[in-house]
Amino acid sequence: MNECVRIGMIIPSGGPEADYYAFEQAADAGVKLYFTISRIGGAHGNDHDLDALRETGQLAWITEAAQRLRGFDLDAITWACTSGSFMSGSAFAARQAEAIGQAVEAPATSTSLSFVDAMRGLGLRKASVLATYPEPTARAFCSFLGEAGLSVDALTCLDIPTGWDVPALPTETIVEKAVEAFSPGSDTLLIPDTAMPSLHFIETLEDRLNVPVLTANAVTLWGALELTGRRPSVSGYGTLLGRAV
């Protein structure tokens, strides 16, 4: 067994790095993250389009990226992309995880699969969703949740066509949009899109909404850790990652 948990992270674009490095530091040498970059589908500026996402999530591309991490003795690997893992439904998401896991001979998951597992793990059934995506893509995420027996009470779309623009959103804007997006009947707020740095505002939102807030990068990290059965001590990143203490 490795002294620290070794997690492989397949990422398709910029945005999540700050979250992942912050978590790695907070884990106090308990976690080592290994990054590999996969290709992005579509023409420049439309990578949130469903056709582009089907290209981004194709098995050949993410497996190619995973294979670059062979030899690092990973404890788990994750396809760290929400839209690139929900776009073709739950069965295909399972195939993605199987493919990357076989590539590195380690347990595997993805961001979308981890959203489902996180909701189930916390006993949550009804969600409000704040999505950065155009509406057709956001509704595909809702359908993915529906396949798992989870419901969406309210959906708000920011209609951003490319993940490259997401990291520039001001934190204050995201927090206010999230509060507006939350339906009082929901028992959680979901914020998909790993391109959005989010760990730093989760607790602020949880304090305002009084429910667990699940963001793409938080569930991605949590889901990979769950596969290892080892939970480094972290704090300050909300209910979900607080359970990894």
C-alpha atoms as a PDB file:
ATOM      1  CA  MET A   1       0.000   0.000   0.000  1.00  0.00           C
ATOM      2  CA  ASN A   2       1.245   3.483  -0.867  1.00  0.00           C
ATOM      3  CA  GLU A   3       2.107   5.793   2.037  1.00  0.00           C
ATOM      4  CA  CYS A   4      -0.244   8.404   0.563  1.00  0.00           C
ATOM      5  CA  VAL A   5      -3.311   7.918  -1.610  1.00  0.00           C
ATOM      6  CA  ARG A   6      -2.410   8.158  -5.304  1.00  0.00           C
ATOM      7  CA  ILE A   7      -5.240   9.405  -7.503  1.00  0.00           C
ATOM      8  CA  GLY A   8      -5.110   9.708 -11.288  1.00  0.00           C
ATOM      9  CA  MET A   9      -7.078  12.660 -12.690  1.00  0.00           C
ATOM     10  CA  ILE A  10      -8.012  12.810 -16.386  1.00  0.00           C
ATOM     11  CA  ILE A  11      -8.919  16.429 -17.134  1.00  0.00           C
ATOM     12  CA  PRO A  12     -10.074  17.852 -20.495  1.00  0.00           C
ATOM     13  CA  SER A  13      -9.300  21.562 -20.051  1.00  0.00           C
ATOM     14  CA  GLY A  14      -8.229  24.280 -17.641  1.00  0.00           C
ATOM     15  CA  GLY A  15     -10.124  25.412 -14.570  1.00  0.00           C
ATOM     16  CA  PRO A  16     -10.005  22.735 -11.876  1.00  0.00           C
ATOM     17  CA  GLU A  17      -6.290  22.905 -11.100  1.00  0.00           C
ATOM     18  CA  ALA A  18      -6.559  25.373  -8.209  1.00  0.00           C
ATOM     19  CA  ASP A  19      -9.177  23.227  -6.458  1.00  0.00           C
ATOM     20  CA  TYR A  20      -7.189  20.048  -6.822  1.00  0.00           C
ATOM     21  CA  TYR A  21      -3.905  21.537  -5.665  1.00  0.00           C
ATOM     22  CA  ALA A  22      -5.640  23.214  -2.712  1.00  0.00           C
ATOM     23  CA  PHE A  23      -7.145  19.883  -1.684  1.00  0.00           C
ATOM     24  CA  GLU A  24      -3.806  18.130  -2.056  1.00  0.00           C
ATOM     25  CA  GLN A  25      -2.202  20.709   0.248  1.00  0.00           C
ATOM     26  CA  ALA A  26      -5.058  20.499   2.751  1.00  0.00           C
ATOM     27  CA  ALA A  27      -4.661  16.726   2.925  1.00  0.00           C
ATOM     28  CA  ASP A  28      -1.183  17.295   4.410  1.00  0.00           C
ATOM     29  CA  ALA A  29       0.754  14.773   2.320  1.00  0.00           C
ATOM     30  CA  GLY A  30      -2.084  12.262   2.540  1.00  0.00           C
ATOM     31  CA  VAL A  31      -2.995  12.571  -1.147  1.00  0.00           C
ATOM     32  CA  LYS A  32      -0.939  12.723  -4.332  1.00  0.00           C
ATOM     33  CA  LEU A  33      -2.760  13.707  -7.528  1.00  0.00           C
ATOM     34  CA  TYR A  34      -1.483  12.695 -10.959  1.00  0.00           C
ATOM     35  CA  PHE A  35      -2.871  14.714 -13.876  1.00  0.00           C
ATOM     36  CA  THR A  36      -3.200  13.744 -17.504  1.00  0.00           C
ATOM     37  CA  ILE A  37      -4.854  15.858 -20.201  1.00  0.00           C
ATOM     38  CA  SER A  38      -7.397  14.448 -22.648  1.00  0.00           C
ATOM     39  CA  ARG A  39      -8.546  15.905 -25.938  1.00  0.00           C
ATOM     40  CA  ILE A  40     -11.516  18.256 -26.281  1.00  0.00           C
ATOM     41  CA  GLY A  41     -14.176  17.858 -28.953  1.00  0.00           C
ATOM     42  CA  GLY A  42     -15.853  20.483 -31.103  1.00  0.00           C
ATOM     43  CA  ALA A  43     -14.712  23.686 -32.711  1.00  0.00           C
ATOM     44  CA  HIS A  44     -13.138  26.440 -30.631  1.00  0.00           C
ATOM     45  CA  GLY A  45     -15.647  27.976 -28.254  1.00  0.00           C
ATOM     46  CA  ASN A  46     -18.459  25.392 -28.333  1.00  0.00           C
ATOM     47  CA  ASP A  47     -17.154  22.543 -26.185  1.00  0.00           C
ATOM     48  CA  HIS A  48     -20.333  22.570 -24.047  1.00  0.00           C
ATOM     49  CA  ASP A  49     -22.356  21.537 -27.109  1.00  0.00           C
ATOM     50  CA  LEU A  50     -23.692  17.984 -26.818  1.00  0.00           C
ATOM     51  CA  ASP A  51     -22.077  16.780 -30.046  1.00  0.00           C
ATOM     52  CA  ALA A  52     -18.739  18.216 -28.933  1.00  0.00           C
ATOM     53  CA  LEU A  53     -19.119  16.503 -25.564  1.00  0.00           C
ATOM     54  CA  ARG A  54     -19.759  13.130 -27.158  1.00  0.00           C
ATOM     55  CA  GLU A  55     -16.457  13.595 -28.945  1.00  0.00           C
ATOM     56  CA  THR A  56     -14.708  14.692 -25.744  1.00  0.00           C
ATOM     57  CA  GLY A  57     -15.956  11.668 -23.842  1.00  0.00           C
ATOM     58  CA  GLN A  58     -15.180   9.018 -26.431  1.00  0.00           C
ATOM     59  CA  LEU A  59     -13.491   5.949 -25.005  1.00  0.00           C
ATOM     60  CA  ALA A  60     -10.432   6.134 -27.253  1.00  0.00           C
ATOM     61  CA  TRP A  61      -9.516   9.634 -26.109  1.00  0.00           C
ATOM     62  CA  ILE A  62      -9.927   9.179 -22.376  1.00  0.00           C
ATOM     63  CA  THR A  63      -8.240   5.770 -22.461  1.00  0.00           C
ATOM     64  CA  GLU A  64      -5.316   7.279 -24.347  1.00  0.00           C
ATOM     65  CA  ALA A  65      -4.994   9.869 -21.581  1.00  0.00           C
ATOM     66  CA  ALA A  66      -5.275   7.265 -18.830  1.00  0.00           C
ATOM     67  CA  GLN A  67      -2.523   5.144 -20.335  1.00  0.00           C
ATOM     68  CA  ARG A  68      -0.027   7.950 -19.720  1.00  0.00           C
ATOM     69  CA  LEU A  69      -0.433   7.271 -15.999  1.00  0.00           C
ATOM     70  CA  ARG A  70       0.494   3.602 -16.181  1.00  0.00           C
ATOM     71  CA  GLY A  71       3.459   2.848 -13.984  1.00  0.00           C
ATOM     72  CA  PHE A  72       2.508   5.268 -11.191  1.00  0.00           C
ATOM     73  CA  ASP A  73       0.867   2.591  -9.009  1.00  0.00           C
ATOM     74  CA  LEU A  74      -2.416   4.477  -8.694  1.00  0.00           C
ATOM     75  CA  ASP A  75      -4.933   3.632  -5.992  1.00  0.00           C
ATOM     76  CA  ALA A  76      -7.786   5.003  -8.137  1.00  0.00           C
ATOM     77  CA  ILE A  77      -8.407   7.027 -11.278  1.00  0.00           C
ATOM     78  CA  THR A  78     -11.247   9.340 -12.273  1.00  0.00           C
ATOM     79  CA  TRP A  79     -12.492  10.922 -15.494  1.00  0.00           C
ATOM     80  CA  ALA A  80     -12.667  14.416 -14.015  1.00  0.00           C
ATOM     81  CA  CYS A  81     -15.250  15.909 -16.333  1.00  0.00           C
ATOM     82  CA  THR A  82     -18.962  16.256 -15.645  1.00  0.00           C
ATOM     83  CA  SER A  83     -20.350  16.930 -19.109  1.00  0.00           C
ATOM     84  CA  GLY A  84     -17.956  14.507 -20.789  1.00  0.00           C
ATOM     85  CA  SER A  85     -19.274  11.722 -18.566  1.00  0.00           C
ATOM     86  CA  PHE A  86     -23.051  12.284 -18.507  1.00  0.00           C
ATOM     87  CA  MET A  87     -23.634  13.139 -22.161  1.00  0.00           C
ATOM     88  CA  SER A  88     -24.454   9.579 -23.300  1.00  0.00           C
ATOM     89  CA  GLY A  89     -26.185   8.252 -20.204  1.00  0.00           C
ATOM     90  CA  SER A  90     -25.297   6.103 -17.234  1.00  0.00           C
ATOM     91  CA  ALA A  91     -24.454   2.906 -19.114  1.00  0.00           C
ATOM     92  CA  PHE A  92     -21.858   4.706 -21.210  1.00  0.00           C
ATOM     93  CA  ALA A  93     -20.484   6.449 -18.110  1.00  0.00           C
ATOM     94  CA  ALA A  94     -19.938   3.018 -16.593  1.00  0.00           C
ATOM     95  CA  ARG A  95     -18.107   1.936 -19.757  1.00  0.00           C
ATOM     96  CA  GLN A  96     -15.872   4.996 -19.506  1.00  0.00           C
ATOM     97  CA  ALA A  97     -14.934   4.135 -15.937  1.00  0.00           C
ATOM     98  CA  GLU A  98     -14.277   0.530 -16.858  1.00  0.00           C
ATOM     99  CA  ALA A  99     -12.027   1.556 -19.762  1.00  0.00           C
ATOM    100  CA  ILE A 100      -9.825   3.947 -17.812  1.00  0.00           C
ATOM    101  CA  GLY A 101      -9.641   1.561 -14.885  1.00  0.00           C
ATOM    102  CA  GLN A 102      -8.406  -1.228 -17.121  1.00  0.00           C
ATOM    103  CA  ALA A 103      -5.836   1.123 -18.652  1.00  0.00           C
ATOM    104  CA  VAL A 104      -4.100   1.661 -15.302  1.00  0.00           C
ATOM    105  CA  GLU A 105      -5.267  -1.449 -13.431  1.00  0.00           C
ATOM    106  CA  ALA A 106      -6.989   0.554 -10.703  1.00  0.00           C
ATOM    107  CA  PRO A 107     -10.556   1.226  -9.528  1.00  0.00           C
ATOM    108  CA  ALA A 108     -12.165   3.993 -11.575  1.00  0.00           C
ATOM    109  CA  THR A 109     -15.042   6.434 -11.611  1.00  0.00           C
ATOM    110  CA  SER A 110     -16.014   9.785 -13.129  1.00  0.00           C
ATOM    111  CA  THR A 111     -17.450  13.099 -12.015  1.00  0.00           C
ATOM    112  CA  SER A 112     -21.001  12.258 -13.089  1.00  0.00           C
ATOM    113  CA  LEU A 113     -20.933   8.837 -11.457  1.00  0.00           C
ATOM    114  CA  SER A 114     -19.584  10.517  -8.327  1.00  0.00           C
ATOM    115  CA  PHE A 115     -22.469  13.012  -8.287  1.00  0.00           C
ATOM    116  CA  VAL A 116     -24.864  10.076  -8.102  1.00  0.00           C
ATOM    117  CA  ASP A 117     -22.800   8.249  -5.489  1.00  0.00           C
ATOM    118  CA  ALA A 118     -22.450  11.402  -3.385  1.00  0.00           C
ATOM    119  CA  MET A 119     -26.187  12.073  -3.361  1.00  0.00           C
ATOM    120  CA  ARG A 120     -26.896   8.490  -2.413  1.00  0.00           C
ATOM    121  CA  GLY A 121     -24.158   8.497   0.206  1.00  0.00           C
ATOM    122  CA  LEU A 122     -25.674  11.537   1.891  1.00  0.00           C
ATOM    123  CA  GLY A 123     -29.229  10.229   1.567  1.00  0.00           C
ATOM    124  CA  LEU A 124     -30.260  13.015  -0.823  1.00  0.00           C
ATOM    125  CA  ARG A 125     -33.026  12.568  -3.410  1.00  0.00           C
ATOM    126  CA  LYS A 126     -34.130  15.984  -4.686  1.00  0.00           C
ATOM    127  CA  ALA A 127     -31.754  18.557  -6.138  1.00  0.00           C
ATOM    128  CA  SER A 128     -31.692  22.078  -7.417  1.00  0.00           C
ATOM    129  CA  VAL A 129     -29.092  22.495 -10.166  1.00  0.00           C
ATOM    130  CA  LEU A 130     -27.050  25.535 -11.155  1.00  0.00           C
ATOM    131  CA  ALA A 131     -25.442  24.613 -14.477  1.00  0.00           C
ATOM    132  CA  THR A 132     -22.915  26.629 -16.433  1.00  0.00           C
ATOM    133  CA  TYR A 133     -24.044  24.870 -19.608  1.00  0.00           C
ATOM    134  CA  PRO A 134     -26.506  25.742 -22.365  1.00  0.00           C
ATOM    135  CA  GLU A 135     -29.940  24.311 -21.562  1.00  0.00           C
ATOM    136  CA  PRO A 136     -29.798  21.163 -23.772  1.00  0.00           C
ATOM    137  CA  THR A 137     -26.579  20.091 -22.075  1.00  0.00           C
ATOM    138  CA  ALA A 138     -27.901  20.926 -18.616  1.00  0.00           C
ATOM    139  CA  ARG A 139     -31.018  18.863 -19.274  1.00  0.00           C
ATOM    140  CA  ALA A 140     -28.828  15.923 -20.263  1.00  0.00           C
ATOM    141  CA  PHE A 141     -27.283  16.137 -16.789  1.00  0.00           C
ATOM    142  CA  CYS A 142     -30.751  16.106 -15.239  1.00  0.00           C
ATOM    143  CA  SER A 143     -31.644  13.049 -17.315  1.00  0.00           C
ATOM    144  CA  PHE A 144     -28.499  11.310 -16.084  1.00  0.00           C
ATOM    145  CA  LEU A 145     -29.590  11.917 -12.504  1.00  0.00           C
ATOM    146  CA  GLY A 146     -33.069  10.700 -13.369  1.00  0.00           C
ATOM    147  CA  GLU A 147     -31.673   7.379 -14.584  1.00  0.00           C
ATOM    148  CA  ALA A 148     -30.348   6.905 -11.054  1.00  0.00           C
ATOM    149  CA  GLY A 149     -33.737   7.631  -9.500  1.00  0.00           C
ATOM    150  CA  LEU A 150     -32.773  11.151  -8.412  1.00  0.00           C
ATOM    151  CA  SER A 151     -34.977  14.144  -9.152  1.00  0.00           C
ATOM    152  CA  VAL A 152     -34.306  17.766 -10.101  1.00  0.00           C
ATOM    153  CA  ASP A 153     -36.694  20.306  -8.586  1.00  0.00           C
ATOM    154  CA  ALA A 154     -35.208  23.375 -10.250  1.00  0.00           C
ATOM    155  CA  LEU A 155     -32.707  23.982 -13.058  1.00  0.00           C
ATOM    156  CA  THR A 156     -30.886  27.239 -13.762  1.00  0.00           C
ATOM    157  CA  CYS A 157     -28.612  27.510 -16.807  1.00  0.00           C
ATOM    158  CA  LEU A 158     -25.891  30.139 -17.219  1.00  0.00           C
ATOM    159  CA  ASP A 159     -25.668  29.280 -20.937  1.00  0.00           C
ATOM    160  CA  ILE A 160     -21.871  29.429 -21.201  1.00  0.00           C
ATOM    161  CA  PRO A 161     -20.826  27.718 -24.460  1.00  0.00           C
ATOM    162  CA  THR A 162     -17.263  26.805 -23.453  1.00  0.00           C
ATOM    163  CA  GLY A 163     -15.600  25.612 -20.297  1.00  0.00           C
ATOM    164  CA  TRP A 164     -12.665  27.910 -20.938  1.00  0.00           C
ATOM    165  CA  ASP A 165     -14.797  30.909 -19.892  1.00  0.00           C
ATOM    166  CA  VAL A 166     -16.066  29.384 -16.661  1.00  0.00           C
ATOM    167  CA  PRO A 167     -13.039  29.961 -14.374  1.00  0.00           C
ATOM    168  CA  ALA A 168     -13.337  33.724 -14.923  1.00  0.00           C
ATOM    169  CA  LEU A 169     -16.768  33.907 -13.247  1.00  0.00           C
ATOM    170  CA  PRO A 170     -16.516  36.008 -10.055  1.00  0.00           C
ATOM    171  CA  THR A 171     -17.161  34.078  -6.865  1.00  0.00           C
ATOM    172  CA  GLU A 172     -19.743  36.646  -5.755  1.00  0.00           C
ATOM    173  CA  THR A 173     -21.697  36.111  -8.972  1.00  0.00           C
ATOM    174  CA  ILE A 174     -21.670  32.339  -8.574  1.00  0.00           C
ATOM    175  CA  VAL A 175     -22.827  32.503  -4.966  1.00  0.00           C
ATOM    176  CA  GLU A 176     -25.710  34.843  -5.756  1.00  0.00           C
ATOM    177  CA  LYS A 177     -26.768  32.802  -8.799  1.00  0.00           C
ATOM    178  CA  ALA A 178     -26.644  29.662  -6.674  1.00  0.00           C
ATOM    179  CA  VAL A 179     -28.847  31.152  -3.968  1.00  0.00           C
ATOM    180  CA  GLU A 180     -31.341  32.251  -6.621  1.00  0.00           C
ATOM    181  CA  ALA A 181     -31.247  28.802  -8.241  1.00  0.00           C
ATOM    182  CA  PHE A 182     -32.088  26.901  -5.066  1.00  0.00           C
ATOM    183  CA  SER A 183     -35.636  25.664  -4.604  1.00  0.00           C
ATOM    184  CA  PRO A 184     -36.696  25.400  -0.934  1.00  0.00           C
ATOM    185  CA  GLY A 185     -38.087  21.926  -1.582  1.00  0.00           C
ATOM    186  CA  SER A 186     -34.691  20.532  -2.576  1.00  0.00           C
ATOM    187  CA  ASP A 187     -32.394  18.748  -0.165  1.00  0.00           C
ATOM    188  CA  THR A 188     -29.191  19.679  -2.029  1.00  0.00           C
ATOM    189  CA  LEU A 189     -27.767  22.120  -4.565  1.00  0.00           C
ATOM    190  CA  LEU A 190     -25.646  20.683  -7.380  1.00  0.00           C
ATOM    191  CA  ILE A 191     -23.141  22.752  -9.359  1.00  0.00           C
ATOM    192  CA  PRO A 192     -21.722  20.643 -12.206  1.00  0.00           C
ATOM    193  CA  ASP A 193     -18.704  21.607 -14.384  1.00  0.00           C
ATOM    194  CA  THR A 194     -15.182  20.847 -13.213  1.00  0.00           C
ATOM    195  CA  ALA A 195     -13.982  23.993 -15.013  1.00  0.00           C
ATOM    196  CA  MET A 196     -15.456  26.020 -12.130  1.00  0.00           C
ATOM    197  CA  PRO A 197     -13.149  26.380  -9.109  1.00  0.00           C
ATOM    198  CA  SER A 198     -15.557  25.795  -6.240  1.00  0.00           C
ATOM    199  CA  LEU A 199     -14.049  24.396  -3.065  1.00  0.00           C
ATOM    200  CA  HIS A 200     -13.547  27.856  -1.592  1.00  0.00           C
ATOM    201  CA  PHE A 201     -17.242  28.830  -1.626  1.00  0.00           C
ATOM    202  CA  ILE A 202     -18.997  25.573  -0.707  1.00  0.00           C
ATOM    203  CA  GLU A 203     -19.233  26.320   3.003  1.00  0.00           C
ATOM    204  CA  THR A 204     -20.488  29.853   2.316  1.00  0.00           C
ATOM    205  CA  LEU A 205     -23.347  28.413   0.274  1.00  0.00           C
ATOM    206  CA  GLU A 206     -24.089  25.669   2.782  1.00  0.00           C
ATOM    207  CA  ASP A 207     -24.369  28.276   5.525  1.00  0.00           C
ATOM    208  CA  ARG A 208     -26.830  30.300   3.439  1.00  0.00           C
ATOM    209  CA  LEU A 209     -28.927  27.401   2.139  1.00  0.00           C
ATOM    210  CA  ASN A 210     -28.669  25.008   5.085  1.00  0.00           C
ATOM    211  CA  VAL A 211     -28.265  21.985   2.793  1.00  0.00           C
ATOM    212  CA  PRO A 212     -25.248  20.089   1.435  1.00  0.00           C
ATOM    213  CA  VAL A 213     -23.806  21.738  -1.676  1.00  0.00           C
ATOM    214  CA  LEU A 214     -22.194  19.337  -4.146  1.00  0.00           C
ATOM    215  CA  THR A 215     -19.866  20.794  -6.760  1.00  0.00           C
ATOM    216  CA  ALA A 216     -18.131  18.979  -9.589  1.00  0.00           C
ATOM    217  CA  ASN A 217     -14.630  19.171  -8.162  1.00  0.00           C
ATOM    218  CA  ALA A 218     -15.751  18.209  -4.661  1.00  0.00           C
ATOM    219  CA  VAL A 219     -17.582  15.090  -5.831  1.00  0.00           C
ATOM    220  CA  THR A 220     -14.716  14.191  -8.172  1.00  0.00           C
ATOM    221  CA  LEU A 221     -12.233  14.134  -5.297  1.00  0.00           C
ATOM    222  CA  TRP A 222     -14.666  12.423  -2.932  1.00  0.00           C
ATOM    223  CA  GLY A 223     -15.596   9.751  -5.463  1.00  0.00           C
ATOM    224  CA  ALA A 224     -11.983   8.820  -6.105  1.00  0.00           C
ATOM    225  CA  LEU A 225     -11.204   8.696  -2.387  1.00  0.00           C
ATOM    226  CA  GLU A 226     -14.207   6.445  -1.779  1.00  0.00           C
ATOM    227  CA  LEU A 227     -12.721   3.904  -4.175  1.00  0.00           C
ATOM    228  CA  THR A 228      -9.531   3.713  -2.119  1.00  0.00           C
ATOM    229  CA  GLY A 229     -11.171   3.294   1.278  1.00  0.00           C
ATOM    230  CA  ARG A 230      -8.674   5.795   2.682  1.00  0.00           C
ATOM    231  CA  ARG A 231      -9.833   9.219   3.805  1.00  0.00           C
ATOM    232  CA  PRO A 232      -7.206  11.866   4.523  1.00  0.00           C
ATOM    233  CA  SER A 233      -8.183  14.544   7.010  1.00  0.00           C
ATOM    234  CA  VAL A 234      -9.508  17.705   5.348  1.00  0.00           C
ATOM    235  CA  SER A 235     -11.732  20.535   6.515  1.00  0.00           C
ATOM    236  CA  GLY A 236     -13.219  23.742   5.168  1.00  0.00           C
ATOM    237  CA  TYR A 237     -14.623  22.274   1.953  1.00  0.00           C
ATOM    238  CA  GLY A 238     -18.169  21.453   2.931  1.00  0.00           C
ATOM    239  CA  THR A 239     -20.273  18.547   4.112  1.00  0.00           C
ATOM    240  CA  LEU A 240     -19.209  15.980   1.528  1.00  0.00           C
ATOM    241  CA  LEU A 241     -15.446  16.283   1.818  1.00  0.00           C
ATOM    242  CA  GLY A 242     -15.814  16.735   5.549  1.00  0.00           C
ATOM    243  CA  ARG A 243     -17.048  13.147   5.605  1.00  0.00           C
ATOM    244  CA  ALA A 244     -13.610  12.075   4.355  1.00  0.00           C
ATOM    245  CA  VAL A 245     -12.087  12.964   7.731  1.00  0.00           C
END
